[in-house]
mmCIF file of all heavy atoms, coordinates in Angstrom:
data_MODEL
# 
_entry.id   MODEL 
# 
loop_
_atom_site.group_PDB 
_atom_site.id 
_atom_site.type_symbol 
_atom_site.label_atom_id 
_atom_site.label_alt_id 
_atom_site.label_comp_id 
_atom_site.label_asym_id 
_atom_site.label_entity_id 
_atom_site.label_seq_id 
_atom_site.pdbx_PDB_ins_code 
_atom_site.Cartn_x 
_atom_site.Cartn_y 
_atom_site.Cartn_z 
_atom_site.occupancy 
_atom_site.B_iso_or_equiv 
_atom_site.pdbx_formal_charge 
_atom_site.auth_seq_id 
_atom_site.auth_comp_id 
_atom_site.auth_asym_id 
_atom_site.auth_atom_id 
_atom_site.pdbx_PDB_model_num 
ATOM 1   N N   . ASP A 1 1  ? -44.387 -74.316 -51.626 1.00 0.00 ? 1  ASP A N   1 
ATOM 2   C CA  . ASP A 1 1  ? -43.228 -74.485 -52.504 1.00 0.00 ? 1  ASP A CA  1 
ATOM 3   C C   . ASP A 1 1  ? -43.284 -75.747 -53.339 1.00 0.00 ? 1  ASP A C   1 
ATOM 4   O O   . ASP A 1 1  ? -42.682 -75.818 -54.406 1.00 0.00 ? 1  ASP A O   1 
ATOM 5   C CB  . ASP A 1 1  ? -41.937 -74.466 -51.691 1.00 0.00 ? 1  ASP A CB  1 
ATOM 6   C CG  . ASP A 1 1  ? -41.865 -75.601 -50.666 1.00 0.00 ? 1  ASP A CG  1 
ATOM 7   O OD1 . ASP A 1 1  ? -42.917 -75.947 -50.097 1.00 0.00 ? 1  ASP A OD1 1 
ATOM 8   O OD2 . ASP A 1 1  ? -40.761 -76.113 -50.426 1.00 0.00 ? 1  ASP A OD2 1 
ATOM 9   N N   . ASP A 1 2  ? -43.991 -76.785 -52.848 1.00 0.00 ? 2  ASP A N   1 
ATOM 10  C CA  . ASP A 1 2  ? -44.091 -78.020 -53.608 1.00 0.00 ? 2  ASP A CA  1 
ATOM 11  C C   . ASP A 1 2  ? -45.107 -78.933 -52.947 1.00 0.00 ? 2  ASP A C   1 
ATOM 12  O O   . ASP A 1 2  ? -45.793 -78.525 -51.996 1.00 0.00 ? 2  ASP A O   1 
ATOM 13  C CB  . ASP A 1 2  ? -42.730 -78.729 -53.704 1.00 0.00 ? 2  ASP A CB  1 
ATOM 14  C CG  . ASP A 1 2  ? -42.096 -78.963 -52.336 1.00 0.00 ? 2  ASP A CG  1 
ATOM 15  O OD1 . ASP A 1 2  ? -42.823 -79.281 -51.370 1.00 0.00 ? 2  ASP A OD1 1 
ATOM 16  O OD2 . ASP A 1 2  ? -40.872 -78.825 -52.240 1.00 0.00 ? 2  ASP A OD2 1 
ATOM 17  N N   . ALA A 1 3  ? -45.204 -80.157 -53.418 1.00 0.00 ? 3  ALA A N   1 
ATOM 18  C CA  . ALA A 1 3  ? -46.185 -81.089 -52.880 1.00 0.00 ? 3  ALA A CA  1 
ATOM 19  C C   . ALA A 1 3  ? -45.612 -81.997 -51.802 1.00 0.00 ? 3  ALA A C   1 
ATOM 20  O O   . ALA A 1 3  ? -46.292 -82.909 -51.328 1.00 0.00 ? 3  ALA A O   1 
ATOM 21  C CB  . ALA A 1 3  ? -46.755 -81.945 -54.011 1.00 0.00 ? 3  ALA A CB  1 
ATOM 22  N N   . ALA A 1 4  ? -44.386 -81.761 -51.384 1.00 0.00 ? 4  ALA A N   1 
ATOM 23  C CA  . ALA A 1 4  ? -43.748 -82.648 -50.414 1.00 0.00 ? 4  ALA A CA  1 
ATOM 24  C C   . ALA A 1 4  ? -44.266 -82.433 -48.999 1.00 0.00 ? 4  ALA A C   1 
ATOM 25  O O   . ALA A 1 4  ? -44.192 -83.328 -48.160 1.00 0.00 ? 4  ALA A O   1 
ATOM 26  C CB  . ALA A 1 4  ? -42.236 -82.451 -50.446 1.00 0.00 ? 4  ALA A CB  1 
ATOM 27  N N   . SER A 1 5  ? -44.794 -81.243 -48.715 1.00 0.00 ? 5  SER A N   1 
ATOM 28  C CA  . SER A 1 5  ? -45.304 -80.910 -47.377 1.00 0.00 ? 5  SER A CA  1 
ATOM 29  C C   . SER A 1 5  ? -44.259 -81.203 -46.300 1.00 0.00 ? 5  SER A C   1 
ATOM 30  O O   . SER A 1 5  ? -44.539 -81.811 -45.268 1.00 0.00 ? 5  SER A O   1 
ATOM 31  C CB  . SER A 1 5  ? -46.602 -81.675 -47.089 1.00 0.00 ? 5  SER A CB  1 
ATOM 32  O OG  . SER A 1 5  ? -47.600 -81.298 -47.997 1.00 0.00 ? 5  SER A OG  1 
ATOM 33  N N   . THR A 1 6  ? -43.049 -80.746 -46.553 1.00 0.00 ? 6  THR A N   1 
ATOM 34  C CA  . THR A 1 6  ? -41.924 -80.954 -45.641 1.00 0.00 ? 6  THR A CA  1 
ATOM 35  C C   . THR A 1 6  ? -41.533 -79.630 -45.006 1.00 0.00 ? 6  THR A C   1 
ATOM 36  O O   . THR A 1 6  ? -41.348 -78.627 -45.707 1.00 0.00 ? 6  THR A O   1 
ATOM 37  C CB  . THR A 1 6  ? -40.716 -81.537 -46.396 1.00 0.00 ? 6  THR A CB  1 
ATOM 38  O OG1 . THR A 1 6  ? -41.109 -82.739 -47.044 1.00 0.00 ? 6  THR A OG1 1 
ATOM 39  C CG2 . THR A 1 6  ? -39.568 -81.807 -45.443 1.00 0.00 ? 6  THR A CG2 1 
ATOM 40  N N   . ASP A 1 7  ? -41.390 -79.613 -43.683 1.00 0.00 ? 7  ASP A N   1 
ATOM 41  C CA  . ASP A 1 7  ? -40.978 -78.396 -42.988 1.00 0.00 ? 7  ASP A CA  1 
ATOM 42  C C   . ASP A 1 7  ? -39.645 -77.886 -43.543 1.00 0.00 ? 7  ASP A C   1 
ATOM 43  O O   . ASP A 1 7  ? -38.774 -78.674 -43.931 1.00 0.00 ? 7  ASP A O   1 
ATOM 44  C CB  . ASP A 1 7  ? -40.821 -78.658 -41.491 1.00 0.00 ? 7  ASP A CB  1 
ATOM 45  C CG  . ASP A 1 7  ? -42.133 -79.021 -40.808 1.00 0.00 ? 7  ASP A CG  1 
ATOM 46  O OD1 . ASP A 1 7  ? -43.186 -78.965 -41.482 1.00 0.00 ? 7  ASP A OD1 1 
ATOM 47  O OD2 . ASP A 1 7  ? -42.095 -79.374 -39.616 1.00 0.00 ? 7  ASP A OD2 1 
ATOM 48  N N   . LYS A 1 8  ? -39.500 -76.551 -43.564 1.00 0.00 ? 8  LYS A N   1 
ATOM 49  C CA  . LYS A 1 8  ? -38.270 -75.940 -44.051 1.00 0.00 ? 8  LYS A CA  1 
ATOM 50  C C   . LYS A 1 8  ? -37.703 -75.028 -42.966 1.00 0.00 ? 8  LYS A C   1 
ATOM 51  O O   . LYS A 1 8  ? -38.415 -74.185 -42.421 1.00 0.00 ? 8  LYS A O   1 
ATOM 52  C CB  . LYS A 1 8  ? -38.544 -75.113 -45.315 1.00 0.00 ? 8  LYS A CB  1 
ATOM 53  C CG  . LYS A 1 8  ? -39.258 -75.870 -46.431 1.00 0.00 ? 8  LYS A CG  1 
ATOM 54  C CD  . LYS A 1 8  ? -38.468 -77.039 -46.953 1.00 0.00 ? 8  LYS A CD  1 
ATOM 55  C CE  . LYS A 1 8  ? -39.060 -77.646 -48.219 1.00 0.00 ? 8  LYS A CE  1 
ATOM 56  N NZ  . LYS A 1 8  ? -40.468 -78.043 -48.125 1.00 0.00 ? 8  LYS A NZ  1 
ATOM 57  N N   . ILE A 1 9  ? -36.415 -75.197 -42.654 1.00 0.00 ? 9  ILE A N   1 
ATOM 58  C CA  . ILE A 1 9  ? -35.800 -74.406 -41.591 1.00 0.00 ? 9  ILE A CA  1 
ATOM 59  C C   . ILE A 1 9  ? -35.060 -73.183 -42.127 1.00 0.00 ? 9  ILE A C   1 
ATOM 60  O O   . ILE A 1 9  ? -34.513 -72.388 -41.361 1.00 0.00 ? 9  ILE A O   1 
ATOM 61  C CB  . ILE A 1 9  ? -34.857 -75.267 -40.731 1.00 0.00 ? 9  ILE A CB  1 
ATOM 62  C CG1 . ILE A 1 9  ? -33.766 -75.912 -41.586 1.00 0.00 ? 9  ILE A CG1 1 
ATOM 63  C CG2 . ILE A 1 9  ? -35.657 -76.350 -40.011 1.00 0.00 ? 9  ILE A CG2 1 
ATOM 64  C CD1 . ILE A 1 9  ? -32.746 -76.713 -40.781 1.00 0.00 ? 9  ILE A CD1 1 
ATOM 65  N N   . THR A 1 10 ? -35.060 -73.025 -43.444 1.00 0.00 ? 10 THR A N   1 
ATOM 66  C CA  . THR A 1 10 ? -34.557 -71.813 -44.090 1.00 0.00 ? 10 THR A CA  1 
ATOM 67  C C   . THR A 1 10 ? -35.541 -71.431 -45.196 1.00 0.00 ? 10 THR A C   1 
ATOM 68  O O   . THR A 1 10 ? -36.307 -72.274 -45.674 1.00 0.00 ? 10 THR A O   1 
ATOM 69  C CB  . THR A 1 10 ? -33.155 -72.030 -44.700 1.00 0.00 ? 10 THR A CB  1 
ATOM 70  O OG1 . THR A 1 10 ? -33.203 -73.133 -45.605 1.00 0.00 ? 10 THR A OG1 1 
ATOM 71  C CG2 . THR A 1 10 ? -32.125 -72.291 -43.619 1.00 0.00 ? 10 THR A CG2 1 
ATOM 72  N N   . PRO A 1 11 ? -35.557 -70.180 -45.627 1.00 0.00 ? 11 PRO A N   1 
ATOM 73  C CA  . PRO A 1 11 ? -36.536 -69.727 -46.620 1.00 0.00 ? 11 PRO A CA  1 
ATOM 74  C C   . PRO A 1 11 ? -36.445 -70.458 -47.951 1.00 0.00 ? 11 PRO A C   1 
ATOM 75  O O   . PRO A 1 11 ? -35.361 -70.761 -48.450 1.00 0.00 ? 11 PRO A O   1 
ATOM 76  C CB  . PRO A 1 11 ? -36.192 -68.245 -46.787 1.00 0.00 ? 11 PRO A CB  1 
ATOM 77  C CG  . PRO A 1 11 ? -35.581 -67.859 -45.483 1.00 0.00 ? 11 PRO A CG  1 
ATOM 78  C CD  . PRO A 1 11 ? -34.785 -69.053 -45.059 1.00 0.00 ? 11 PRO A CD  1 
ATOM 79  N N   . VAL A 1 12 ? -37.626 -70.738 -48.529 1.00 0.00 ? 12 VAL A N   1 
ATOM 80  C CA  . VAL A 1 12 ? -37.749 -71.313 -49.864 1.00 0.00 ? 12 VAL A CA  1 
ATOM 81  C C   . VAL A 1 12 ? -38.691 -70.429 -50.673 1.00 0.00 ? 12 VAL A C   1 
ATOM 82  O O   . VAL A 1 12 ? -39.451 -69.634 -50.116 1.00 0.00 ? 12 VAL A O   1 
ATOM 83  C CB  . VAL A 1 12 ? -38.288 -72.762 -49.819 1.00 0.00 ? 12 VAL A CB  1 
ATOM 84  C CG1 . VAL A 1 12 ? -37.287 -73.689 -49.151 1.00 0.00 ? 12 VAL A CG1 1 
ATOM 85  C CG2 . VAL A 1 12 ? -39.640 -72.824 -49.111 1.00 0.00 ? 12 VAL A CG2 1 
ATOM 86  N N   . VAL A 1 13 ? -38.673 -70.567 -51.979 1.00 0.00 ? 13 VAL A N   1 
ATOM 87  C CA  . VAL A 1 13 ? -39.506 -69.743 -52.858 1.00 0.00 ? 13 VAL A CA  1 
ATOM 88  C C   . VAL A 1 13 ? -40.887 -70.376 -53.004 1.00 0.00 ? 13 VAL A C   1 
ATOM 89  O O   . VAL A 1 13 ? -41.012 -71.582 -53.237 1.00 0.00 ? 13 VAL A O   1 
ATOM 90  C CB  . VAL A 1 13 ? -38.851 -69.596 -54.238 1.00 0.00 ? 13 VAL A CB  1 
ATOM 91  C CG1 . VAL A 1 13 ? -39.762 -68.814 -55.188 1.00 0.00 ? 13 VAL A CG1 1 
ATOM 92  C CG2 . VAL A 1 13 ? -37.498 -68.901 -54.113 1.00 0.00 ? 13 VAL A CG2 1 
ATOM 93  N N   . VAL A 1 14 ? -41.940 -69.556 -52.866 1.00 0.00 ? 14 VAL A N   1 
ATOM 94  C CA  . VAL A 1 14 ? -43.309 -70.017 -53.087 1.00 0.00 ? 14 VAL A CA  1 
ATOM 95  C C   . VAL A 1 14 ? -43.516 -70.191 -54.586 1.00 0.00 ? 14 VAL A C   1 
ATOM 96  O O   . VAL A 1 14 ? -43.273 -69.263 -55.371 1.00 0.00 ? 14 VAL A O   1 
ATOM 97  C CB  . VAL A 1 14 ? -44.336 -69.023 -52.511 1.00 0.00 ? 14 VAL A CB  1 
ATOM 98  C CG1 . VAL A 1 14 ? -45.764 -69.472 -52.829 1.00 0.00 ? 14 VAL A CG1 1 
ATOM 99  C CG2 . VAL A 1 14 ? -44.148 -68.882 -51.010 1.00 0.00 ? 14 VAL A CG2 1 
ATOM 100 N N   . ALA A 1 15 ? -43.982 -71.370 -54.985 1.00 0.00 ? 15 ALA A N   1 
ATOM 101 C CA  . ALA A 1 15 ? -44.092 -71.708 -56.400 1.00 0.00 ? 15 ALA A CA  1 
ATOM 102 C C   . ALA A 1 15 ? -45.145 -70.856 -57.116 1.00 0.00 ? 15 ALA A C   1 
ATOM 103 O O   . ALA A 1 15 ? -46.278 -70.727 -56.643 1.00 0.00 ? 15 ALA A O   1 
ATOM 104 C CB  . ALA A 1 15 ? -44.440 -73.191 -56.548 1.00 0.00 ? 15 ALA A CB  1 
ATOM 105 N N   . GLY A 1 16 ? -44.772 -70.275 -58.241 1.00 0.00 ? 16 GLY A N   1 
ATOM 106 C CA  . GLY A 1 16 ? -45.735 -69.586 -59.096 1.00 0.00 ? 16 GLY A CA  1 
ATOM 107 C C   . GLY A 1 16 ? -46.313 -68.302 -58.545 1.00 0.00 ? 16 GLY A C   1 
ATOM 108 O O   . GLY A 1 16 ? -47.279 -67.780 -59.113 1.00 0.00 ? 16 GLY A O   1 
ATOM 109 N N   . ALA A 1 17 ? -45.756 -67.774 -57.470 1.00 0.00 ? 17 ALA A N   1 
ATOM 110 C CA  . ALA A 1 17 ? -46.268 -66.528 -56.885 1.00 0.00 ? 17 ALA A CA  1 
ATOM 111 C C   . ALA A 1 17 ? -45.447 -65.350 -57.403 1.00 0.00 ? 17 ALA A C   1 
ATOM 112 O O   . ALA A 1 17 ? -44.295 -65.166 -57.010 1.00 0.00 ? 17 ALA A O   1 
ATOM 113 C CB  . ALA A 1 17 ? -46.213 -66.585 -55.368 1.00 0.00 ? 17 ALA A CB  1 
ATOM 114 N N   . THR A 1 18 ? -46.034 -64.579 -58.308 1.00 0.00 ? 18 THR A N   1 
ATOM 115 C CA  . THR A 1 18 ? -45.364 -63.411 -58.880 1.00 0.00 ? 18 THR A CA  1 
ATOM 116 C C   . THR A 1 18 ? -46.310 -62.210 -58.855 1.00 0.00 ? 18 THR A C   1 
ATOM 117 O O   . THR A 1 18 ? -47.516 -62.361 -58.690 1.00 0.00 ? 18 THR A O   1 
ATOM 118 C CB  . THR A 1 18 ? -44.939 -63.676 -60.328 1.00 0.00 ? 18 THR A CB  1 
ATOM 119 O OG1 . THR A 1 18 ? -46.100 -63.987 -61.117 1.00 0.00 ? 18 THR A OG1 1 
ATOM 120 C CG2 . THR A 1 18 ? -43.958 -64.835 -60.405 1.00 0.00 ? 18 THR A CG2 1 
ATOM 121 N N   . LYS A 1 19 ? -45.755 -61.041 -58.977 1.00 0.00 ? 19 LYS A N   1 
ATOM 122 C CA  . LYS A 1 19 ? -46.516 -59.787 -58.967 1.00 0.00 ? 19 LYS A CA  1 
ATOM 123 C C   . LYS A 1 19 ? -47.362 -59.678 -57.698 1.00 0.00 ? 19 LYS A C   1 
ATOM 124 O O   . LYS A 1 19 ? -48.498 -59.191 -57.719 1.00 0.00 ? 19 LYS A O   1 
ATOM 125 C CB  . LYS A 1 19 ? -47.397 -59.676 -60.214 1.00 0.00 ? 19 LYS A CB  1 
ATOM 126 C CG  . LYS A 1 19 ? -46.608 -59.652 -61.506 1.00 0.00 ? 19 LYS A CG  1 
ATOM 127 C CD  . LYS A 1 19 ? -47.509 -59.502 -62.720 1.00 0.00 ? 19 LYS A CD  1 
ATOM 128 C CE  . LYS A 1 19 ? -46.679 -59.461 -63.999 1.00 0.00 ? 19 LYS A CE  1 
ATOM 129 N NZ  . LYS A 1 19 ? -47.545 -59.317 -65.203 1.00 0.00 ? 19 LYS A NZ  1 
ATOM 130 N N   . ILE A 1 20 ? -46.798 -60.113 -56.570 1.00 0.00 ? 20 ILE A N   1 
ATOM 131 C CA  . ILE A 1 20 ? -47.480 -60.050 -55.283 1.00 0.00 ? 20 ILE A CA  1 
ATOM 132 C C   . ILE A 1 20 ? -47.256 -58.678 -54.647 1.00 0.00 ? 20 ILE A C   1 
ATOM 133 O O   . ILE A 1 20 ? -46.147 -58.130 -54.689 1.00 0.00 ? 20 ILE A O   1 
ATOM 134 C CB  . ILE A 1 20 ? -46.971 -61.165 -54.345 1.00 0.00 ? 20 ILE A CB  1 
ATOM 135 C CG1 . ILE A 1 20 ? -47.114 -62.529 -55.025 1.00 0.00 ? 20 ILE A CG1 1 
ATOM 136 C CG2 . ILE A 1 20 ? -47.711 -61.134 -53.016 1.00 0.00 ? 20 ILE A CG2 1 
ATOM 137 C CD1 . ILE A 1 20 ? -48.516 -62.879 -55.448 1.00 0.00 ? 20 ILE A CD1 1 
ATOM 138 N N   . VAL A 1 21 ? -48.302 -58.130 -54.047 1.00 0.00 ? 21 VAL A N   1 
ATOM 139 C CA  . VAL A 1 21 ? -48.202 -56.814 -53.406 1.00 0.00 ? 21 VAL A CA  1 
ATOM 140 C C   . VAL A 1 21 ? -48.544 -56.857 -51.917 1.00 0.00 ? 21 VAL A C   1 
ATOM 141 O O   . VAL A 1 21 ? -48.263 -55.890 -51.199 1.00 0.00 ? 21 VAL A O   1 
ATOM 142 C CB  . VAL A 1 21 ? -49.101 -55.790 -54.116 1.00 0.00 ? 21 VAL A CB  1 
ATOM 143 C CG1 . VAL A 1 21 ? -48.620 -55.559 -55.546 1.00 0.00 ? 21 VAL A CG1 1 
ATOM 144 C CG2 . VAL A 1 21 ? -50.564 -56.215 -54.106 1.00 0.00 ? 21 VAL A CG2 1 
ATOM 145 N N   . ALA A 1 22 ? -49.155 -57.940 -51.431 1.00 0.00 ? 22 ALA A N   1 
ATOM 146 C CA  . ALA A 1 22 ? -49.484 -58.046 -50.007 1.00 0.00 ? 22 ALA A CA  1 
ATOM 147 C C   . ALA A 1 22 ? -49.649 -59.515 -49.649 1.00 0.00 ? 22 ALA A C   1 
ATOM 148 O O   . ALA A 1 22 ? -49.990 -60.342 -50.509 1.00 0.00 ? 22 ALA A O   1 
ATOM 149 C CB  . ALA A 1 22 ? -50.761 -57.272 -49.671 1.00 0.00 ? 22 ALA A CB  1 
ATOM 150 N N   . ILE A 1 23 ? -49.429 -59.850 -48.372 1.00 0.00 ? 23 ILE A N   1 
ATOM 151 C CA  . ILE A 1 23 ? -49.498 -61.239 -47.930 1.00 0.00 ? 23 ILE A CA  1 
ATOM 152 C C   . ILE A 1 23 ? -50.185 -61.336 -46.575 1.00 0.00 ? 23 ILE A C   1 
ATOM 153 O O   . ILE A 1 23 ? -50.255 -60.370 -45.820 1.00 0.00 ? 23 ILE A O   1 
ATOM 154 C CB  . ILE A 1 23 ? -48.089 -61.867 -47.822 1.00 0.00 ? 23 ILE A CB  1 
ATOM 155 C CG1 . ILE A 1 23 ? -47.168 -60.979 -46.979 1.00 0.00 ? 23 ILE A CG1 1 
ATOM 156 C CG2 . ILE A 1 23 ? -47.517 -62.117 -49.199 1.00 0.00 ? 23 ILE A CG2 1 
ATOM 157 C CD1 . ILE A 1 23 ? -45.777 -61.548 -46.784 1.00 0.00 ? 23 ILE A CD1 1 
ATOM 158 N N   . ALA A 1 24 ? -50.701 -62.550 -46.278 1.00 0.00 ? 24 ALA A N   1 
ATOM 159 C CA  . ALA A 1 24 ? -51.293 -62.840 -44.981 1.00 0.00 ? 24 ALA A CA  1 
ATOM 160 C C   . ALA A 1 24 ? -51.086 -64.319 -44.684 1.00 0.00 ? 24 ALA A C   1 
ATOM 161 O O   . ALA A 1 24 ? -51.166 -65.156 -45.596 1.00 0.00 ? 24 ALA A O   1 
ATOM 162 C CB  . ALA A 1 24 ? -52.782 -62.500 -44.950 1.00 0.00 ? 24 ALA A CB  1 
ATOM 163 N N   . ALA A 1 25 ? -50.833 -64.655 -43.420 1.00 0.00 ? 25 ALA A N   1 
ATOM 164 C CA  . ALA A 1 25 ? -50.630 -66.035 -43.013 1.00 0.00 ? 25 ALA A CA  1 
ATOM 165 C C   . ALA A 1 25 ? -51.634 -66.394 -41.936 1.00 0.00 ? 25 ALA A C   1 
ATOM 166 O O   . ALA A 1 25 ? -51.740 -65.707 -40.915 1.00 0.00 ? 25 ALA A O   1 
ATOM 167 C CB  . ALA A 1 25 ? -49.199 -66.235 -42.496 1.00 0.00 ? 25 ALA A CB  1 
ATOM 168 N N   . GLY A 1 26 ? -52.403 -67.462 -42.176 1.00 0.00 ? 26 GLY A N   1 
ATOM 169 C CA  . GLY A 1 26 ? -53.386 -67.914 -41.202 1.00 0.00 ? 26 GLY A CA  1 
ATOM 170 C C   . GLY A 1 26 ? -52.831 -69.030 -40.345 1.00 0.00 ? 26 GLY A C   1 
ATOM 171 O O   . GLY A 1 26 ? -51.614 -69.204 -40.226 1.00 0.00 ? 26 GLY A O   1 
ATOM 172 N N   . GLY A 1 27 ? -53.732 -69.825 -39.748 1.00 0.00 ? 27 GLY A N   1 
ATOM 173 C CA  . GLY A 1 27 ? -53.286 -70.918 -38.918 1.00 0.00 ? 27 GLY A CA  1 
ATOM 174 C C   . GLY A 1 27 ? -52.389 -71.870 -39.690 1.00 0.00 ? 27 GLY A C   1 
ATOM 175 O O   . GLY A 1 27 ? -51.214 -72.058 -39.353 1.00 0.00 ? 27 GLY A O   1 
ATOM 176 N N   . TYR A 1 28 ? -52.934 -72.466 -40.756 1.00 0.00 ? 28 TYR A N   1 
ATOM 177 C CA  . TYR A 1 28 ? -52.171 -73.393 -41.572 1.00 0.00 ? 28 TYR A CA  1 
ATOM 178 C C   . TYR A 1 28 ? -52.413 -73.138 -43.056 1.00 0.00 ? 28 TYR A C   1 
ATOM 179 O O   . TYR A 1 28 ? -52.328 -74.051 -43.876 1.00 0.00 ? 28 TYR A O   1 
ATOM 180 C CB  . TYR A 1 28 ? -52.553 -74.834 -41.221 1.00 0.00 ? 28 TYR A CB  1 
ATOM 181 C CG  . TYR A 1 28 ? -52.278 -75.178 -39.773 1.00 0.00 ? 28 TYR A CG  1 
ATOM 182 C CD1 . TYR A 1 28 ? -53.295 -75.099 -38.823 1.00 0.00 ? 28 TYR A CD1 1 
ATOM 183 C CD2 . TYR A 1 28 ? -51.007 -75.560 -39.362 1.00 0.00 ? 28 TYR A CD2 1 
ATOM 184 C CE1 . TYR A 1 28 ? -53.043 -75.399 -37.484 1.00 0.00 ? 28 TYR A CE1 1 
ATOM 185 C CE2 . TYR A 1 28 ? -50.752 -75.862 -38.031 1.00 0.00 ? 28 TYR A CE2 1 
ATOM 186 C CZ  . TYR A 1 28 ? -51.766 -75.777 -37.096 1.00 0.00 ? 28 TYR A CZ  1 
ATOM 187 O OH  . TYR A 1 28 ? -51.518 -76.070 -35.777 1.00 0.00 ? 28 TYR A OH  1 
ATOM 188 N N   . HIS A 1 29 ? -52.743 -71.902 -43.399 1.00 0.00 ? 29 HIS A N   1 
ATOM 189 C CA  . HIS A 1 29 ? -52.893 -71.540 -44.802 1.00 0.00 ? 29 HIS A CA  1 
ATOM 190 C C   . HIS A 1 29 ? -52.302 -70.165 -45.038 1.00 0.00 ? 29 HIS A C   1 
ATOM 191 O O   . HIS A 1 29 ? -52.002 -69.427 -44.088 1.00 0.00 ? 29 HIS A O   1 
ATOM 192 C CB  . HIS A 1 29 ? -54.355 -71.602 -45.248 1.00 0.00 ? 29 HIS A CB  1 
ATOM 193 C CG  . HIS A 1 29 ? -55.231 -70.497 -44.716 1.00 0.00 ? 29 HIS A CG  1 
ATOM 194 N ND1 . HIS A 1 29 ? -55.585 -70.376 -43.392 1.00 0.00 ? 29 HIS A ND1 1 
ATOM 195 C CD2 . HIS A 1 29 ? -55.835 -69.453 -45.351 1.00 0.00 ? 29 HIS A CD2 1 
ATOM 196 C CE1 . HIS A 1 29 ? -56.366 -69.327 -43.228 1.00 0.00 ? 29 HIS A CE1 1 
ATOM 197 N NE2 . HIS A 1 29 ? -56.529 -68.740 -44.402 1.00 0.00 ? 29 HIS A NE2 1 
ATOM 198 N N   . SER A 1 30 ? -52.110 -69.814 -46.299 1.00 0.00 ? 30 SER A N   1 
ATOM 199 C CA  . SER A 1 30 ? -51.472 -68.553 -46.664 1.00 0.00 ? 30 SER A CA  1 
ATOM 200 C C   . SER A 1 30 ? -52.257 -67.876 -47.778 1.00 0.00 ? 30 SER A C   1 
ATOM 201 O O   . SER A 1 30 ? -52.897 -68.541 -48.593 1.00 0.00 ? 30 SER A O   1 
ATOM 202 C CB  . SER A 1 30 ? -50.027 -68.794 -47.124 1.00 0.00 ? 30 SER A CB  1 
ATOM 203 O OG  . SER A 1 30 ? -49.281 -69.486 -46.146 1.00 0.00 ? 30 SER A OG  1 
# 
């Protein structure tokens, strides 16, 4: 979402991610 690298306890918008059709989450990357 930004360069602050701050934990978020509620959902935030991923910056610049549009026209997405599938997602995957790894250990510490997405």
